[in-house]
Amino acid sequence: MRDKILHKSADMFLSFGFKSVTMDDIANALGISKKTIYQHFENKTKLVEATTLYLFGIISHGIDCICALEKHPVEEIYDIKNFVMDHLKGEKSSPQYQLKKYYPKIFQTLKQKQFNVMQECVTANLERGKERGIYRNDMNVDFISRIYFNGMLALKDIDLFPLKKFSMQMLMDHYLEYHLRGICTEKGLKKLNQLIKASS
């Protein structure tokens, strides 16, 4: 039952936001009593915390599986973006922004975990791209990986990028292109242009 609650909570929080969804909403959606939820999670904050860790685990595992394939570095970045967007429902309710606003401690914990995973994944991608002549050899990998992570966080700030004006899909597509055009060699740009053309 605990996993069912987490699965449904994740679905509802991503669709409607961490603030909007109540324990009653989750209980009704599952056809159980609120008391059953409280047997597993003592309050909503504990449920939010468990749900974010549950989602983080699923996404981290998926990213690890994509990286293990050692695809073309540019293709790998697009595959990871597509995987994350699918699992976060395109972030249409700006869950990360709401998490930061209403559950700051949970947000900070998640941010650190995300940074650790992304730093490892992006650094490996950049190093592999350099070795294969796809990314510029003169770039500072540690700097680029940190800038990339920070930019990802900025995209989720709805004060900077209001959802009425920018869809998360559009932001992610533009950001990836912006990132890759800054680091790709001519060889890398060929692959990038192919991927952009194929998705348009």
C-alpha atoms as a PDB file:
ATOM      1  CA  MET A   1       0.000   0.000   0.000  1.00  0.00           C
ATOM      2  CA  ARG A   2       2.873   2.369   0.749  1.00  0.00           C
ATOM      3  CA  ASP A   3       4.126   2.103  -2.852  1.00  0.00           C
ATOM      4  CA  LYS A   4       0.598   2.639  -4.215  1.00  0.00           C
ATOM      5  CA  ILE A   5       0.289   5.818  -2.123  1.00  0.00           C
ATOM      6  CA  LEU A   6       3.675   7.064  -3.337  1.00  0.00           C
ATOM      7  CA  HIS A   7       2.860   6.288  -6.970  1.00  0.00           C
ATOM      8  CA  LYS A   8      -0.499   8.097  -6.842  1.00  0.00           C
ATOM      9  CA  SER A   9       0.913  11.008  -4.833  1.00  0.00           C
ATOM     10  CA  ALA A  10       3.728  11.479  -7.353  1.00  0.00           C
ATOM     11  CA  ASP A  11       1.228  11.497 -10.214  1.00  0.00           C
ATOM     12  CA  MET A  12      -1.042  14.044  -8.487  1.00  0.00           C
ATOM     13  CA  PHE A  13       1.714  16.321  -7.177  1.00  0.00           C
ATOM     14  CA  LEU A  14       3.262  16.541 -10.651  1.00  0.00           C
ATOM     15  CA  SER A  15      -0.109  17.175 -12.295  1.00  0.00           C
ATOM     16  CA  PHE A  16      -1.532  19.712  -9.828  1.00  0.00           C
ATOM     17  CA  GLY A  17       1.334  20.876  -7.609  1.00  0.00           C
ATOM     18  CA  PHE A  18       2.550  20.097  -4.102  1.00  0.00           C
ATOM     19  CA  LYS A  19       0.480  22.890  -2.553  1.00  0.00           C
ATOM     20  CA  SER A  20      -2.847  22.168  -4.271  1.00  0.00           C
ATOM     21  CA  VAL A  21      -3.155  18.428  -3.587  1.00  0.00           C
ATOM     22  CA  THR A  22      -4.494  17.488  -0.142  1.00  0.00           C
ATOM     23  CA  MET A  23      -4.348  14.224   1.769  1.00  0.00           C
ATOM     24  CA  ASP A  24      -8.120  13.944   1.139  1.00  0.00           C
ATOM     25  CA  ASP A  25      -7.539  14.256  -2.624  1.00  0.00           C
ATOM     26  CA  ILE A  26      -5.005  11.421  -2.577  1.00  0.00           C
ATOM     27  CA  ALA A  27      -7.211   9.213  -0.374  1.00  0.00           C
ATOM     28  CA  ASN A  28     -10.225   9.788  -2.665  1.00  0.00           C
ATOM     29  CA  ALA A  29      -8.175   9.056  -5.797  1.00  0.00           C
ATOM     30  CA  LEU A  30      -7.011   5.769  -4.287  1.00  0.00           C
ATOM     31  CA  GLY A  31     -10.435   4.866  -2.868  1.00  0.00           C
ATOM     32  CA  ILE A  32      -9.019   4.537   0.655  1.00  0.00           C
ATOM     33  CA  SER A  33      -9.486   6.423   3.917  1.00  0.00           C
ATOM     34  CA  LYS A  34      -7.163   9.242   4.906  1.00  0.00           C
ATOM     35  CA  LYS A  35      -6.399   7.182   8.017  1.00  0.00           C
ATOM     36  CA  THR A  36      -4.733   4.554   5.802  1.00  0.00           C
ATOM     37  CA  ILE A  37      -2.350   7.188   4.422  1.00  0.00           C
ATOM     38  CA  TYR A  38      -1.513   8.333   7.966  1.00  0.00           C
ATOM     39  CA  GLN A  39      -0.572   4.759   8.870  1.00  0.00           C
ATOM     40  CA  HIS A  40       2.341   5.116   6.430  1.00  0.00           C
ATOM     41  CA  PHE A  41       3.055   8.869   6.527  1.00  0.00           C
ATOM     42  CA  GLU A  42       2.435  10.889   9.695  1.00  0.00           C
ATOM     43  CA  ASN A  43       1.691  14.154   7.849  1.00  0.00           C
ATOM     44  CA  LYS A  44       1.702  15.748   4.397  1.00  0.00           C
ATOM     45  CA  THR A  45       5.288  16.994   4.758  1.00  0.00           C
ATOM     46  CA  LYS A  46       6.493  13.423   5.330  1.00  0.00           C
ATOM     47  CA  LEU A  47       4.495  12.285   2.308  1.00  0.00           C
ATOM     48  CA  VAL A  48       5.955  15.060   0.134  1.00  0.00           C
ATOM     49  CA  GLU A  49       9.458  14.130   1.292  1.00  0.00           C
ATOM     50  CA  ALA A  50       8.946  10.419   0.574  1.00  0.00           C
ATOM     51  CA  THR A  51       7.366  11.176  -2.814  1.00  0.00           C
ATOM     52  CA  THR A  52      10.240  13.401  -3.958  1.00  0.00           C
ATOM     53  CA  LEU A  53      12.778  10.728  -2.945  1.00  0.00           C
ATOM     54  CA  TYR A  54      10.688   8.073  -4.717  1.00  0.00           C
ATOM     55  CA  LEU A  55      10.636  10.133  -7.932  1.00  0.00           C
ATOM     56  CA  PHE A  56      14.315  10.972  -7.590  1.00  0.00           C
ATOM     57  CA  GLY A  57      15.140   7.258  -7.317  1.00  0.00           C
ATOM     58  CA  ILE A  58      13.178   6.384 -10.463  1.00  0.00           C
ATOM     59  CA  ILE A  59      14.710   9.226 -12.495  1.00  0.00           C
ATOM     60  CA  SER A  60      18.270   8.611 -11.255  1.00  0.00           C
ATOM     61  CA  HIS A  61      18.020   4.938 -12.179  1.00  0.00           C
ATOM     62  CA  GLY A  62      16.703   5.845 -15.644  1.00  0.00           C
ATOM     63  CA  ILE A  63      19.541   8.326 -16.208  1.00  0.00           C
ATOM     64  CA  ASP A  64      22.091   5.712 -15.107  1.00  0.00           C
ATOM     65  CA  CYS A  65      20.628   3.238 -17.616  1.00  0.00           C
ATOM     66  CA  ILE A  66      20.846   5.799 -20.453  1.00  0.00           C
ATOM     67  CA  CYS A  67      24.445   6.708 -19.552  1.00  0.00           C
ATOM     68  CA  ALA A  68      25.421   3.021 -19.406  1.00  0.00           C
ATOM     69  CA  LEU A  69      24.569   2.743 -23.127  1.00  0.00           C
ATOM     70  CA  GLU A  70      27.427   5.174 -23.939  1.00  0.00           C
ATOM     71  CA  LYS A  71      25.630   6.622 -26.954  1.00  0.00           C
ATOM     72  CA  HIS A  72      26.817   9.614 -28.954  1.00  0.00           C
ATOM     73  CA  PRO A  73      27.240  12.337 -26.262  1.00  0.00           C
ATOM     74  CA  VAL A  74      24.854  14.794 -27.961  1.00  0.00           C
ATOM     75  CA  GLU A  75      22.229  12.077 -28.427  1.00  0.00           C
ATOM     76  CA  GLU A  76      22.656  11.013 -24.798  1.00  0.00           C
ATOM     77  CA  ILE A  77      21.786  14.495 -23.522  1.00  0.00           C
ATOM     78  CA  TYR A  78      18.608  14.529 -25.625  1.00  0.00           C
ATOM     79  CA  ASP A  79      17.642  11.030 -24.443  1.00  0.00           C
ATOM     80  CA  ILE A  80      18.045  12.081 -20.811  1.00  0.00           C
ATOM     81  CA  LYS A  81      15.982  15.217 -21.410  1.00  0.00           C
ATOM     82  CA  ASN A  82      13.176  13.188 -23.022  1.00  0.00           C
ATOM     83  CA  PHE A  83      13.221  10.595 -20.240  1.00  0.00           C
ATOM     84  CA  VAL A  84      13.061  13.231 -17.484  1.00  0.00           C
ATOM     85  CA  MET A  85      10.320  15.216 -19.238  1.00  0.00           C
ATOM     86  CA  ASP A  86       8.213  12.061 -19.636  1.00  0.00           C
ATOM     87  CA  HIS A  87       8.543  11.177 -15.952  1.00  0.00           C
ATOM     88  CA  LEU A  88       7.918  14.719 -14.727  1.00  0.00           C
ATOM     89  CA  LYS A  89       4.876  15.180 -17.003  1.00  0.00           C
ATOM     90  CA  GLY A  90       6.563  18.125 -18.690  1.00  0.00           C
ATOM     91  CA  GLU A  91       6.541  19.851 -15.277  1.00  0.00           C
ATOM     92  CA  LYS A  92       3.306  21.575 -16.169  1.00  0.00           C
ATOM     93  CA  SER A  93       2.533  22.446 -12.532  1.00  0.00           C
ATOM     94  CA  SER A  94       6.098  23.723 -11.831  1.00  0.00           C
ATOM     95  CA  PRO A  95       6.544  21.219  -8.966  1.00  0.00           C
ATOM     96  CA  GLN A  96      10.149  22.209  -8.266  1.00  0.00           C
ATOM     97  CA  TYR A  97       9.145  25.861  -7.821  1.00  0.00           C
ATOM     98  CA  GLN A  98       6.319  24.924  -5.433  1.00  0.00           C
ATOM     99  CA  LEU A  99       8.608  22.584  -3.534  1.00  0.00           C
ATOM    100  CA  LYS A 100      11.101  25.415  -3.043  1.00  0.00           C
ATOM    101  CA  LYS A 101       8.395  27.799  -1.860  1.00  0.00           C
ATOM    102  CA  TYR A 102       6.376  25.556   0.472  1.00  0.00           C
ATOM    103  CA  TYR A 103       8.860  22.834   1.483  1.00  0.00           C
ATOM    104  CA  PRO A 104      12.286  24.551   1.436  1.00  0.00           C
ATOM    105  CA  LYS A 105      14.133  21.913   3.509  1.00  0.00           C
ATOM    106  CA  ILE A 106      12.950  19.100   1.230  1.00  0.00           C
ATOM    107  CA  PHE A 107      13.861  21.231  -1.795  1.00  0.00           C
ATOM    108  CA  GLN A 108      17.425  21.750  -0.529  1.00  0.00           C
ATOM    109  CA  THR A 109      17.905  18.025   0.127  1.00  0.00           C
ATOM    110  CA  LEU A 110      16.585  17.163  -3.330  1.00  0.00           C
ATOM    111  CA  LYS A 111      18.701  19.870  -4.992  1.00  0.00           C
ATOM    112  CA  GLN A 112      21.878  18.432  -3.454  1.00  0.00           C
ATOM    113  CA  LYS A 113      20.962  14.926  -4.593  1.00  0.00           C
ATOM    114  CA  GLN A 114      20.148  16.183  -8.093  1.00  0.00           C
ATOM    115  CA  PHE A 115      23.444  18.056  -8.246  1.00  0.00           C
ATOM    116  CA  ASN A 116      25.434  14.962  -7.259  1.00  0.00           C
ATOM    117  CA  VAL A 117      23.742  12.818  -9.932  1.00  0.00           C
ATOM    118  CA  MET A 118      23.900  15.458 -12.646  1.00  0.00           C
ATOM    119  CA  GLN A 119      27.482  16.429 -11.885  1.00  0.00           C
ATOM    120  CA  GLU A 120      28.602  12.834 -12.354  1.00  0.00           C
ATOM    121  CA  CYS A 121      26.485  12.277 -15.472  1.00  0.00           C
ATOM    122  CA  VAL A 122      27.230  15.610 -17.188  1.00  0.00           C
ATOM    123  CA  THR A 123      30.955  15.460 -16.371  1.00  0.00           C
ATOM    124  CA  ALA A 124      31.188  11.966 -17.891  1.00  0.00           C
ATOM    125  CA  ASN A 125      29.265  13.175 -20.959  1.00  0.00           C
ATOM    126  CA  LEU A 126      31.562  16.188 -21.400  1.00  0.00           C
ATOM    127  CA  GLU A 127      34.752  14.151 -20.972  1.00  0.00           C
ATOM    128  CA  ARG A 128      33.572  11.529 -23.456  1.00  0.00           C
ATOM    129  CA  GLY A 129      32.573  14.233 -25.929  1.00  0.00           C
ATOM    130  CA  LYS A 130      36.004  15.838 -25.670  1.00  0.00           C
ATOM    131  CA  GLU A 131      37.755  12.489 -26.228  1.00  0.00           C
ATOM    132  CA  ARG A 132      35.683  11.853 -29.354  1.00  0.00           C
ATOM    133  CA  GLY A 133      36.239  15.326 -30.794  1.00  0.00           C
ATOM    134  CA  ILE A 134      32.541  16.198 -30.455  1.00  0.00           C
ATOM    135  CA  TYR A 135      33.051  18.864 -27.768  1.00  0.00           C
ATOM    136  CA  ARG A 136      35.720  21.569 -27.685  1.00  0.00           C
ATOM    137  CA  ASN A 137      38.967  20.449 -26.115  1.00  0.00           C
ATOM    138  CA  ASP A 138      39.643  23.803 -24.427  1.00  0.00           C
ATOM    139  CA  MET A 139      36.554  23.933 -22.180  1.00  0.00           C
ATOM    140  CA  ASN A 140      36.637  23.692 -18.384  1.00  0.00           C
ATOM    141  CA  VAL A 141      34.488  20.608 -17.672  1.00  0.00           C
ATOM    142  CA  ASP A 142      33.856  21.394 -13.986  1.00  0.00           C
ATOM    143  CA  PHE A 143      32.736  24.948 -14.821  1.00  0.00           C
ATOM    144  CA  ILE A 144      30.481  23.860 -17.714  1.00  0.00           C
ATOM    145  CA  SER A 145      28.806  21.089 -15.682  1.00  0.00           C
ATOM    146  CA  ARG A 146      27.995  23.507 -12.829  1.00  0.00           C
ATOM    147  CA  ILE A 147      26.701  26.204 -15.182  1.00  0.00           C
ATOM    148  CA  TYR A 148      24.556  23.576 -16.909  1.00  0.00           C
ATOM    149  CA  PHE A 149      23.004  22.461 -13.595  1.00  0.00           C
ATOM    150  CA  ASN A 150      22.403  26.044 -12.475  1.00  0.00           C
ATOM    151  CA  GLY A 151      20.723  26.852 -15.781  1.00  0.00           C
ATOM    152  CA  MET A 152      18.418  23.850 -15.376  1.00  0.00           C
ATOM    153  CA  LEU A 153      17.301  25.196 -11.993  1.00  0.00           C
ATOM    154  CA  ALA A 154      16.716  28.659 -13.446  1.00  0.00           C
ATOM    155  CA  LEU A 155      14.379  27.252 -16.122  1.00  0.00           C
ATOM    156  CA  LYS A 156      12.057  26.078 -13.343  1.00  0.00           C
ATOM    157  CA  ASP A 157      11.733  29.557 -11.821  1.00  0.00           C
ATOM    158  CA  ILE A 158       8.264  30.658 -12.944  1.00  0.00           C
ATOM    159  CA  ASP A 159       9.022  34.280 -12.035  1.00  0.00           C
ATOM    160  CA  LEU A 160      11.756  34.222 -14.679  1.00  0.00           C
ATOM    161  CA  PHE A 161       9.941  31.948 -17.104  1.00  0.00           C
ATOM    162  CA  PRO A 162       6.147  32.177 -16.583  1.00  0.00           C
ATOM    163  CA  LEU A 163       4.352  29.036 -17.749  1.00  0.00           C
ATOM    164  CA  LYS A 164       1.841  31.113 -19.718  1.00  0.00           C
ATOM    165  CA  LYS A 165       4.668  32.375 -21.892  1.00  0.00           C
ATOM    166  CA  PHE A 166       7.098  29.439 -21.928  1.00  0.00           C
ATOM    167  CA  SER A 167       6.312  25.716 -21.948  1.00  0.00           C
ATOM    168  CA  MET A 168       8.863  23.519 -20.173  1.00  0.00           C
ATOM    169  CA  GLN A 169       9.334  21.540 -23.390  1.00  0.00           C
ATOM    170  CA  MET A 170      10.227  24.705 -25.300  1.00  0.00           C
ATOM    171  CA  LEU A 171      12.559  25.921 -22.542  1.00  0.00           C
ATOM    172  CA  MET A 172      14.370  22.588 -22.362  1.00  0.00           C
ATOM    173  CA  ASP A 173      14.779  22.371 -26.146  1.00  0.00           C
ATOM    174  CA  HIS A 174      16.176  25.906 -26.393  1.00  0.00           C
ATOM    175  CA  TYR A 175      18.417  25.432 -23.358  1.00  0.00           C
ATOM    176  CA  LEU A 176      19.932  22.193 -24.682  1.00  0.00           C
ATOM    177  CA  GLU A 177      20.631  23.813 -28.043  1.00  0.00           C
ATOM    178  CA  TYR A 178      22.136  26.868 -26.300  1.00  0.00           C
ATOM    179  CA  HIS A 179      24.357  24.620 -24.126  1.00  0.00           C
ATOM    180  CA  LEU A 180      25.497  22.384 -26.979  1.00  0.00           C
ATOM    181  CA  ARG A 181      26.205  25.156 -29.496  1.00  0.00           C
ATOM    182  CA  GLY A 182      28.605  26.642 -26.939  1.00  0.00           C
ATOM    183  CA  ILE A 183      30.647  23.454 -26.501  1.00  0.00           C
ATOM    184  CA  CYS A 184      30.350  21.500 -29.772  1.00  0.00           C
ATOM    185  CA  THR A 185      33.028  21.233 -32.447  1.00  0.00           C
ATOM    186  CA  GLU A 186      32.014  21.151 -36.136  1.00  0.00           C
ATOM    187  CA  LYS A 187      31.665  17.378 -35.768  1.00  0.00           C
ATOM    188  CA  GLY A 188      29.335  17.781 -32.770  1.00  0.00           C
ATOM    189  CA  LEU A 189      27.282  20.483 -34.486  1.00  0.00           C
ATOM    190  CA  LYS A 190      26.511  18.112 -37.366  1.00  0.00           C
ATOM    191  CA  LYS A 191      24.875  15.677 -34.936  1.00  0.00           C
ATOM    192  CA  LEU A 192      23.092  18.473 -33.101  1.00  0.00           C
ATOM    193  CA  ASN A 193      21.631  19.851 -36.338  1.00  0.00           C
ATOM    194  CA  GLN A 194      20.470  16.359 -37.339  1.00  0.00           C
ATOM    195  CA  LEU A 195      18.656  15.916 -34.010  1.00  0.00           C
ATOM    196  CA  ILE A 196      17.025  19.354 -34.206  1.00  0.00           C
ATOM    197  CA  LYS A 197      15.908  18.688 -37.788  1.00  0.00           C
ATOM    198  CA  ALA A 198      14.524  15.246 -36.853  1.00  0.00           C
ATOM    199  CA  SER A 199      12.470  16.655 -33.964  1.00  0.00           C
ATOM    200  CA  SER A 200      11.025  19.630 -35.879  1.00  0.00           C
END
